[in-house]
Amino acid sequence: MARGSKASYSKKQQRMASHIEESEKKSGAKTEDAERIAWATVNKQTGGAKKKKTGKKKASKKKTSKKTTKKTSKKKAGKKKTSKKKASKK
C-alpha cells in the first residue's frame, strides 16, 4: 500500500493514479503493487504533490546601482585593441 496521505495531490493527479492502477490490475499486478506503481508514475510525470503556498513573499532582487554600471562601461570603453605589427626578418 502507498504510504502517506494523498490529500495534497490534485484531483487530476488522483484520477491519473486511479487509471494507472486499474490498468496495472488488468495486466496482472497485485493490488498493492498496482497502487505503488500508479503513484510512482504520477510522481514521475507531474513532479509529485504540490505543496500549499504560504503567505511569505519572495525576496526582491537588488538593483545594481548606476555607479557600478558606469564604472564597468568606462573600463570596457577604455580598453582598445591595438594591433602590433611584427617585424619581418629578411
PDB file of N, CA and C in Angstrom:
ATOM      1  N   MET A   1       0.835  -1.186   0.000  1.00  0.00           N
ATOM      2  CA  MET A   1       0.000   0.000   0.000  1.00  0.00           C
ATOM      3  C   MET A   1       0.875   1.243   0.000  1.00  0.00           C
ATOM      4  N   ALA A   2       0.418   2.266  -0.686  1.00  0.00           N
ATOM      5  CA  ALA A   2       1.170   3.514  -0.757  1.00  0.00           C
ATOM      6  C   ALA A   2       1.190   4.192   0.611  1.00  0.00           C
ATOM      7  N   ARG A   3       2.318   4.813   0.917  1.00  0.00           N
ATOM      8  CA  ARG A   3       2.472   5.445   2.216  1.00  0.00           C
ATOM      9  C   ARG A   3       2.023   6.888   2.160  1.00  0.00           C
ATOM     10  N   GLY A   4       1.518   7.386   3.257  1.00  0.00           N
ATOM     11  CA  GLY A   4       1.184   8.794   3.380  1.00  0.00           C
ATOM     12  C   GLY A   4      -0.173   9.154   2.825  1.00  0.00           C
ATOM     13  N   SER A   5      -0.609  10.328   3.205  1.00  0.00           N
ATOM     14  CA  SER A   5      -1.893  10.838   2.749  1.00  0.00           C
ATOM     15  C   SER A   5      -1.772  11.346   1.319  1.00  0.00           C
ATOM     16  N   LYS A   6      -2.776  11.094   0.539  1.00  0.00           N
ATOM     17  CA  LYS A   6      -2.788  11.542  -0.847  1.00  0.00           C
ATOM     18  C   LYS A   6      -3.663  12.784  -1.016  1.00  0.00           C
ATOM     19  N   ALA A   7      -4.016  13.429   0.081  1.00  0.00           N
ATOM     20  CA  ALA A   7      -4.889  14.596   0.043  1.00  0.00           C
ATOM     21  C   ALA A   7      -4.216  15.806  -0.599  1.00  0.00           C
ATOM     22  N   SER A   8      -2.900  15.876  -0.544  1.00  0.00           N
ATOM     23  CA  SER A   8      -2.208  17.030  -1.098  1.00  0.00           C
ATOM     24  C   SER A   8      -2.064  16.954  -2.621  1.00  0.00           C
ATOM     25  N   TYR A   9      -2.452  15.839  -3.218  1.00  0.00           N
ATOM     26  CA  TYR A   9      -2.423  15.700  -4.667  1.00  0.00           C
ATOM     27  C   TYR A   9      -3.657  16.349  -5.262  1.00  0.00           C
ATOM     28  N   SER A  10      -3.527  16.876  -6.469  1.00  0.00           N
ATOM     29  CA  SER A  10      -4.671  17.499  -7.134  1.00  0.00           C
ATOM     30  C   SER A  10      -5.643  16.409  -7.590  1.00  0.00           C
ATOM     31  N   LYS A  11      -6.843  16.835  -7.941  1.00  0.00           N
ATOM     32  CA  LYS A  11      -7.861  15.882  -8.417  1.00  0.00           C
ATOM     33  C   LYS A  11      -7.388  15.199  -9.696  1.00  0.00           C
ATOM     34  N   LYS A  12      -6.724  15.942 -10.553  1.00  0.00           N
ATOM     35  CA  LYS A  12      -6.222  15.369 -11.796  1.00  0.00           C
ATOM     36  C   LYS A  12      -5.179  14.287 -11.517  1.00  0.00           C
ATOM     37  N   GLN A  13      -4.280  14.554 -10.576  1.00  0.00           N
ATOM     38  CA  GLN A  13      -3.262  13.568 -10.226  1.00  0.00           C
ATOM     39  C   GLN A  13      -3.898  12.318  -9.620  1.00  0.00           C
ATOM     40  N   GLN A  14      -4.943  12.499  -8.817  1.00  0.00           N
ATOM     41  CA  GLN A  14      -5.629  11.351  -8.221  1.00  0.00           C
ATOM     42  C   GLN A  14      -6.328  10.525  -9.300  1.00  0.00           C
ATOM     43  N   ARG A  15      -6.934  11.205 -10.294  1.00  0.00           N
ATOM     44  CA  ARG A  15      -7.564  10.480 -11.403  1.00  0.00           C
ATOM     45  C   ARG A  15      -6.533   9.712 -12.198  1.00  0.00           C
ATOM     46  N   MET A  16      -5.388  10.337 -12.448  1.00  0.00           N
ATOM     47  CA  MET A  16      -4.317   9.665 -13.181  1.00  0.00           C
ATOM     48  C   MET A  16      -3.885   8.400 -12.454  1.00  0.00           C
ATOM     49  N   ALA A  17      -3.709   8.508 -11.152  1.00  0.00           N
ATOM     50  CA  ALA A  17      -3.270   7.360 -10.356  1.00  0.00           C
ATOM     51  C   ALA A  17      -4.294   6.238 -10.395  1.00  0.00           C
ATOM     52  N   SER A  18      -5.579   6.594 -10.316  1.00  0.00           N
ATOM     53  CA  SER A  18      -6.601   5.540 -10.334  1.00  0.00           C
ATOM     54  C   SER A  18      -6.659   4.847 -11.689  1.00  0.00           C
ATOM     55  N   HIS A  19      -6.483   5.585 -12.782  1.00  0.00           N
ATOM     56  CA  HIS A  19      -6.483   4.972 -14.119  1.00  0.00           C
ATOM     57  C   HIS A  19      -5.273   4.058 -14.303  1.00  0.00           C
ATOM     58  N   ILE A  20      -4.125   4.514 -13.842  1.00  0.00           N
ATOM     59  CA  ILE A  20      -2.912   3.703 -13.949  1.00  0.00           C
ATOM     60  C   ILE A  20      -3.047   2.447 -13.103  1.00  0.00           C
ATOM     61  N   GLU A  21      -3.616   2.602 -11.909  1.00  0.00           N
ATOM     62  CA  GLU A  21      -3.802   1.462 -11.010  1.00  0.00           C
ATOM     63  C   GLU A  21      -4.723   0.423 -11.649  1.00  0.00           C
ATOM     64  N   GLU A  22      -5.807   0.872 -12.268  1.00  0.00           N
ATOM     65  CA  GLU A  22      -6.729  -0.061 -12.929  1.00  0.00           C
ATOM     66  C   GLU A  22      -6.046  -0.803 -14.068  1.00  0.00           C
ATOM     67  N   SER A  23      -5.254  -0.091 -14.861  1.00  0.00           N
ATOM     68  CA  SER A  23      -4.582  -0.743 -15.976  1.00  0.00           C
ATOM     69  C   SER A  23      -3.531  -1.739 -15.491  1.00  0.00           C
ATOM     70  N   GLU A  24      -2.883  -1.441 -14.379  1.00  0.00           N
ATOM     71  CA  GLU A  24      -1.902  -2.375 -13.814  1.00  0.00           C
ATOM     72  C   GLU A  24      -2.597  -3.640 -13.295  1.00  0.00           C
ATOM     73  N   LYS A  25      -3.760  -3.463 -12.687  1.00  0.00           N
ATOM     74  CA  LYS A  25      -4.521  -4.622 -12.197  1.00  0.00           C
ATOM     75  C   LYS A  25      -4.953  -5.496 -13.359  1.00  0.00           C
ATOM     76  N   LYS A  26      -5.368  -4.867 -14.467  1.00  0.00           N
ATOM     77  CA  LYS A  26      -5.785  -5.627 -15.650  1.00  0.00           C
ATOM     78  C   LYS A  26      -4.625  -6.425 -16.229  1.00  0.00           C
ATOM     79  N   SER A  27      -3.431  -5.877 -16.128  1.00  0.00           N
ATOM     80  CA  SER A  27      -2.271  -6.578 -16.683  1.00  0.00           C
ATOM     81  C   SER A  27      -1.714  -7.634 -15.726  1.00  0.00           C
ATOM     82  N   GLY A  28      -2.349  -7.806 -14.563  1.00  0.00           N
ATOM     83  CA  GLY A  28      -1.991  -8.914 -13.684  1.00  0.00           C
ATOM     84  C   GLY A  28      -1.194  -8.563 -12.448  1.00  0.00           C
ATOM     85  N   ALA A  29      -1.027  -7.304 -12.124  1.00  0.00           N
ATOM     86  CA  ALA A  29      -0.266  -6.919 -10.932  1.00  0.00           C
ATOM     87  C   ALA A  29      -1.152  -7.031  -9.688  1.00  0.00           C
ATOM     88  N   LYS A  30      -0.526  -7.269  -8.543  1.00  0.00           N
ATOM     89  CA  LYS A  30      -1.269  -7.311  -7.282  1.00  0.00           C
ATOM     90  C   LYS A  30      -1.777  -5.907  -6.957  1.00  0.00           C
ATOM     91  N   THR A  31      -2.775  -5.846  -6.075  1.00  0.00           N
ATOM     92  CA  THR A  31      -3.397  -4.566  -5.726  1.00  0.00           C
ATOM     93  C   THR A  31      -2.376  -3.602  -5.121  1.00  0.00           C
ATOM     94  N   GLU A  32      -1.547  -4.090  -4.177  1.00  0.00           N
ATOM     95  CA  GLU A  32      -0.558  -3.229  -3.541  1.00  0.00           C
ATOM     96  C   GLU A  32       0.481  -2.742  -4.554  1.00  0.00           C
ATOM     97  N   ASP A  33       0.916  -3.651  -5.418  1.00  0.00           N
ATOM     98  CA  ASP A  33       1.910  -3.284  -6.422  1.00  0.00           C
ATOM     99  C   ASP A  33       1.327  -2.285  -7.423  1.00  0.00           C
ATOM    100  N   ALA A  34       0.070  -2.505  -7.804  1.00  0.00           N
ATOM    101  CA  ALA A  34      -0.572  -1.601  -8.764  1.00  0.00           C
ATOM    102  C   ALA A  34      -0.671  -0.191  -8.186  1.00  0.00           C
ATOM    103  N   GLU A  35      -1.008  -0.088  -6.914  1.00  0.00           N
ATOM    104  CA  GLU A  35      -1.115   1.223  -6.278  1.00  0.00           C
ATOM    105  C   GLU A  35       0.250   1.899  -6.184  1.00  0.00           C
ATOM    106  N   ARG A  36       1.255   1.127  -5.820  1.00  0.00           N
ATOM    107  CA  ARG A  36       2.619   1.668  -5.710  1.00  0.00           C
ATOM    108  C   ARG A  36       3.109   2.155  -7.067  1.00  0.00           C
ATOM    109  N   ILE A  37       2.896   1.363  -8.099  1.00  0.00           N
ATOM    110  CA  ILE A  37       3.320   1.734  -9.448  1.00  0.00           C
ATOM    111  C   ILE A  37       2.581   2.984  -9.918  1.00  0.00           C
ATOM    112  N   ALA A  38       1.282   3.042  -9.616  1.00  0.00           N
ATOM    113  CA  ALA A  38       0.465   4.178 -10.047  1.00  0.00           C
ATOM    114  C   ALA A  38       0.973   5.480  -9.449  1.00  0.00           C
ATOM    115  N   TRP A  39       1.213   5.503  -8.145  1.00  0.00           N
ATOM    116  CA  TRP A  39       1.657   6.747  -7.505  1.00  0.00           C
ATOM    117  C   TRP A  39       3.085   7.096  -7.901  1.00  0.00           C
ATOM    118  N   ALA A  40       3.915   6.092  -8.117  1.00  0.00           N
ATOM    119  CA  ALA A  40       5.276   6.363  -8.573  1.00  0.00           C
ATOM    120  C   ALA A  40       5.254   6.989  -9.965  1.00  0.00           C
ATOM    121  N   THR A  41       4.364   6.514 -10.814  1.00  0.00           N
ATOM    122  CA  THR A  41       4.233   7.064 -12.163  1.00  0.00           C
ATOM    123  C   THR A  41       3.724   8.493 -12.125  1.00  0.00           C
ATOM    124  N   VAL A  42       2.721   8.750 -11.289  1.00  0.00           N
ATOM    125  CA  VAL A  42       2.177  10.108 -11.156  1.00  0.00           C
ATOM    126  C   VAL A  42       3.260  11.051 -10.648  1.00  0.00           C
ATOM    127  N   ASN A  43       4.033  10.616  -9.670  1.00  0.00           N
ATOM    128  CA  ASN A  43       5.107  11.450  -9.128  1.00  0.00           C
ATOM    129  C   ASN A  43       6.149  11.774 -10.193  1.00  0.00           C
ATOM    130  N   LYS A  44       6.473  10.782 -11.016  1.00  0.00           N
ATOM    131  CA  LYS A  44       7.485  10.993 -12.046  1.00  0.00           C
ATOM    132  C   LYS A  44       6.979  11.938 -13.128  1.00  0.00           C
ATOM    133  N   GLN A  45       5.723  11.782 -13.529  1.00  0.00           N
ATOM    134  CA  GLN A  45       5.182  12.592 -14.617  1.00  0.00           C
ATOM    135  C   GLN A  45       4.871  14.022 -14.203  1.00  0.00           C
ATOM    136  N   THR A  46       4.406  14.221 -12.976  1.00  0.00           N
ATOM    137  CA  THR A  46       3.941  15.542 -12.569  1.00  0.00           C
ATOM    138  C   THR A  46       4.837  16.213 -11.536  1.00  0.00           C
ATOM    139  N   GLY A  47       5.817  15.524 -11.014  1.00  0.00           N
ATOM    140  CA  GLY A  47       6.697  16.120 -10.023  1.00  0.00           C
ATOM    141  C   GLY A  47       6.193  15.977  -8.603  1.00  0.00           C
ATOM    142  N   GLY A  48       5.213  15.125  -8.378  1.00  0.00           N
ATOM    143  CA  GLY A  48       4.712  14.868  -7.029  1.00  0.00           C
ATOM    144  C   GLY A  48       3.615  15.818  -6.620  1.00  0.00           C
ATOM    145  N   ALA A  49       3.236  15.706  -5.353  1.00  0.00           N
ATOM    146  CA  ALA A  49       2.151  16.527  -4.816  1.00  0.00           C
ATOM    147  C   ALA A  49       2.597  17.973  -4.742  1.00  0.00           C
ATOM    148  N   LYS A  50       1.713  18.867  -5.033  1.00  0.00           N
ATOM    149  CA  LYS A  50       2.008  20.287  -4.959  1.00  0.00           C
ATOM    150  C   LYS A  50       1.718  20.771  -3.555  1.00  0.00           C
ATOM    151  N   LYS A  51       2.714  21.348  -2.932  1.00  0.00           N
ATOM    152  CA  LYS A  51       2.559  21.825  -1.566  1.00  0.00           C
ATOM    153  C   LYS A  51       1.807  23.135  -1.567  1.00  0.00           C
ATOM    154  N   LYS A  52       1.087  23.381  -0.500  1.00  0.00           N
ATOM    155  CA  LYS A  52       0.339  24.622  -0.379  1.00  0.00           C
ATOM    156  C   LYS A  52       1.303  25.772  -0.174  1.00  0.00           C
ATOM    157  N   LYS A  53       1.015  26.884  -0.831  1.00  0.00           N
ATOM    158  CA  LYS A  53       1.878  28.053  -0.724  1.00  0.00           C
ATOM    159  C   LYS A  53       1.556  28.806   0.555  1.00  0.00           C
ATOM    160  N   THR A  54       2.599  29.291   1.197  1.00  0.00           N
ATOM    161  CA  THR A  54       2.406  30.090   2.405  1.00  0.00           C
ATOM    162  C   THR A  54       2.316  31.553   2.024  1.00  0.00           C
ATOM    163  N   GLY A  55       2.043  32.390   2.967  1.00  0.00           N
ATOM    164  CA  GLY A  55       1.884  33.813   2.716  1.00  0.00           C
ATOM    165  C   GLY A  55       3.184  34.578   2.607  1.00  0.00           C
ATOM    166  N   LYS A  56       4.312  33.894   2.609  1.00  0.00           N
ATOM    167  CA  LYS A  56       5.598  34.575   2.549  1.00  0.00           C
ATOM    168  C   LYS A  56       5.833  35.120   1.145  1.00  0.00           C
ATOM    169  N   LYS A  57       6.433  36.303   1.099  1.00  0.00           N
ATOM    170  CA  LYS A  57       6.760  36.908  -0.176  1.00  0.00           C
ATOM    171  C   LYS A  57       8.162  36.500  -0.578  1.00  0.00           C
ATOM    172  N   LYS A  58       8.389  36.469  -1.880  1.00  0.00           N
ATOM    173  CA  LYS A  58       9.715  36.167  -2.378  1.00  0.00           C
ATOM    174  C   LYS A  58      10.621  37.364  -2.159  1.00  0.00           C
ATOM    175  N   ALA A  59      11.889  37.103  -1.964  1.00  0.00           N
ATOM    176  CA  ALA A  59      12.854  38.176  -1.779  1.00  0.00           C
ATOM    177  C   ALA A  59      13.012  38.930  -3.087  1.00  0.00           C
ATOM    178  N   SER A  60      12.983  40.242  -2.998  1.00  0.00           N
ATOM    179  CA  SER A  60      13.103  41.041  -4.217  1.00  0.00           C
ATOM    180  C   SER A  60      14.561  41.093  -4.639  1.00  0.00           C
ATOM    181  N   LYS A  61      14.751  41.180  -5.947  1.00  0.00           N
ATOM    182  CA  LYS A  61      16.100  41.246  -6.477  1.00  0.00           C
ATOM    183  C   LYS A  61      16.636  42.658  -6.289  1.00  0.00           C
ATOM    184  N   LYS A  62      17.899  42.736  -5.940  1.00  0.00           N
ATOM    185  CA  LYS A  62      18.523  44.039  -5.745  1.00  0.00           C
ATOM    186  C   LYS A  62      18.886  44.623  -7.109  1.00  0.00           C
ATOM    187  N   LYS A  63      18.635  45.902  -7.243  1.00  0.00           N
ATOM    188  CA  LYS A  63      19.001  46.583  -8.474  1.00  0.00           C
ATOM    189  C   LYS A  63      20.448  47.022  -8.363  1.00  0.00           C
ATOM    190  N   THR A  64      21.159  46.951  -9.480  1.00  0.00           N
ATOM    191  CA  THR A  64      22.540  47.400  -9.468  1.00  0.00           C
ATOM    192  C   THR A  64      22.548  48.916  -9.495  1.00  0.00           C
ATOM    193  N   SER A  65      23.436  49.482  -8.759  1.00  0.00           N
ATOM    194  CA  SER A  65      23.497  50.939  -8.713  1.00  0.00           C
ATOM    195  C   SER A  65      24.075  51.463 -10.021  1.00  0.00           C
ATOM    196  N   LYS A  66      23.752  52.704 -10.324  1.00  0.00           N
ATOM    197  CA  LYS A  66      24.223  53.301 -11.563  1.00  0.00           C
ATOM    198  C   LYS A  66      25.729  53.484 -11.544  1.00  0.00           C
ATOM    199  N   LYS A  67      26.286  53.674 -10.347  1.00  0.00           N
ATOM    200  CA  LYS A  67      27.724  53.882 -10.240  1.00  0.00           C
ATOM    201  C   LYS A  67      28.497  52.664 -10.734  1.00  0.00           C
ATOM    202  N   THR A  68      28.064  51.495 -10.347  1.00  0.00           N
ATOM    203  CA  THR A  68      28.805  50.299 -10.752  1.00  0.00           C
ATOM    204  C   THR A  68      28.689  50.069 -12.250  1.00  0.00           C
ATOM    205  N   THR A  69      27.541  50.336 -12.823  1.00  0.00           N
ATOM    206  CA  THR A  69      27.409  50.129 -14.260  1.00  0.00           C
ATOM    207  C   THR A  69      28.217  51.153 -15.038  1.00  0.00           C
ATOM    208  N   LYS A  70      28.312  52.369 -14.535  1.00  0.00           N
ATOM    209  CA  LYS A  70      29.121  53.375 -15.213  1.00  0.00           C
ATOM    210  C   LYS A  70      30.591  53.007 -15.165  1.00  0.00           C
ATOM    211  N   LYS A  71      31.042  52.494 -14.017  1.00  0.00           N
ATOM    212  CA  LYS A  71      32.443  52.112 -13.884  1.00  0.00           C
ATOM    213  C   LYS A  71      32.797  51.002 -14.853  1.00  0.00           C
ATOM    214  N   THR A  72      31.954  50.020 -14.959  1.00  0.00           N
ATOM    215  CA  THR A  72      32.262  48.899 -15.842  1.00  0.00           C
ATOM    216  C   THR A  72      32.218  49.327 -17.298  1.00  0.00           C
ATOM    217  N   SER A  73      31.315  50.231 -17.644  1.00  0.00           N
ATOM    218  CA  SER A  73      31.248  50.672 -19.033  1.00  0.00           C
ATOM    219  C   SER A  73      32.479  51.515 -19.390  1.00  0.00           C
ATOM    220  N   LYS A  74      32.987  52.297 -18.434  1.00  0.00           N
ATOM    221  CA  LYS A  74      34.191  53.075 -18.686  1.00  0.00           C
ATOM    222  C   LYS A  74      35.394  52.165 -18.884  1.00  0.00           C
ATOM    223  N   LYS A  75      35.470  51.106 -18.086  1.00  0.00           N
ATOM    224  CA  LYS A  75      36.576  50.174 -18.220  1.00  0.00           C
ATOM    225  C   LYS A  75      36.549  49.501 -19.580  1.00  0.00           C
ATOM    226  N   LYS A  76      35.373  49.128 -20.022  1.00  0.00           N
ATOM    227  CA  LYS A  76      35.252  48.469 -21.321  1.00  0.00           C
ATOM    228  C   LYS A  76      35.579  49.430 -22.449  1.00  0.00           C
ATOM    229  N   ALA A  77      35.149  50.670 -22.320  1.00  0.00           N
ATOM    230  CA  ALA A  77      35.392  51.660 -23.364  1.00  0.00           C
ATOM    231  C   ALA A  77      36.870  52.035 -23.415  1.00  0.00           C
ATOM    232  N   GLY A  78      37.539  52.015 -22.289  1.00  0.00           N
ATOM    233  CA  GLY A  78      38.940  52.407 -22.229  1.00  0.00           C
ATOM    234  C   GLY A  78      39.868  51.387 -22.865  1.00  0.00           C
ATOM    235  N   LYS A  79      39.473  50.148 -22.911  1.00  0.00           N
ATOM    236  CA  LYS A  79      40.317  49.097 -23.480  1.00  0.00           C
ATOM    237  C   LYS A  79      40.083  49.030 -24.983  1.00  0.00           C
ATOM    238  N   LYS A  80      41.119  49.357 -25.721  1.00  0.00           N
ATOM    239  CA  LYS A  80      41.041  49.248 -27.172  1.00  0.00           C
ATOM    240  C   LYS A  80      42.070  48.231 -27.617  1.00  0.00           C
ATOM    241  N   LYS A  81      41.706  47.521 -28.610  1.00  0.00           N
ATOM    242  CA  LYS A  81      42.648  46.544 -29.143  1.00  0.00           C
ATOM    243  C   LYS A  81      43.636  47.276 -30.054  1.00  0.00           C
ATOM    244  N   THR A  82      44.872  47.037 -29.776  1.00  0.00           N
ATOM    245  CA  THR A  82      45.901  47.634 -30.622  1.00  0.00           C
ATOM    246  C   THR A  82      46.551  46.523 -31.410  1.00  0.00           C
ATOM    247  N   SER A  83      46.715  46.777 -32.657  1.00  0.00           N
ATOM    248  CA  SER A  83      47.338  45.745 -33.481  1.00  0.00           C
ATOM    249  C   SER A  83      48.832  46.038 -33.556  1.00  0.00           C
ATOM    250  N   LYS A  84      49.610  45.063 -33.250  1.00  0.00           N
ATOM    251  CA  LYS A  84      51.060  45.192 -33.304  1.00  0.00           C
ATOM    252  C   LYS A  84      51.548  44.447 -34.542  1.00  0.00           C
ATOM    253  N   LYS A  85      52.330  45.136 -35.284  1.00  0.00           N
ATOM    254  CA  LYS A  85      52.878  44.515 -36.482  1.00  0.00           C
ATOM    255  C   LYS A  85      54.230  43.899 -36.116  1.00  0.00           C
ATOM    256  N   LYS A  86      54.390  42.699 -36.518  1.00  0.00           N
ATOM    257  CA  LYS A  86      55.667  42.031 -36.261  1.00  0.00           C
ATOM    258  C   LYS A  86      56.653  42.416 -37.365  1.00  0.00           C
ATOM    259  N   ALA A  87      57.852  42.634 -36.947  1.00  0.00           N
ATOM    260  CA  ALA A  87      58.886  42.972 -37.921  1.00  0.00           C
ATOM    261  C   ALA A  87      59.257  41.730 -38.695  1.00  0.00           C
ATOM    262  N   SER A  88      59.213  41.833 -39.964  1.00  0.00           N
ATOM    263  CA  SER A  88      59.560  40.660 -40.786  1.00  0.00           C
ATOM    264  C   SER A  88      61.076  40.583 -40.931  1.00  0.00           C
ATOM    265  N   LYS A  89      61.588  39.395 -40.836  1.00  0.00           N
ATOM    266  CA  LYS A  89      63.030  39.186 -40.930  1.00  0.00           C
ATOM    267  C   LYS A  89      63.363  38.787 -42.351  1.00  0.00           C
ATOM    268  N   LYS A  90      64.317  39.506 -42.927  1.00  0.00           N
ATOM    269  CA  LYS A  90      64.774  39.188 -44.285  1.00  0.00           C
ATOM    270  C   LYS A  90      66.258  39.231 -44.343  1.00  0.00           C
TER     271      LYS A  90
END
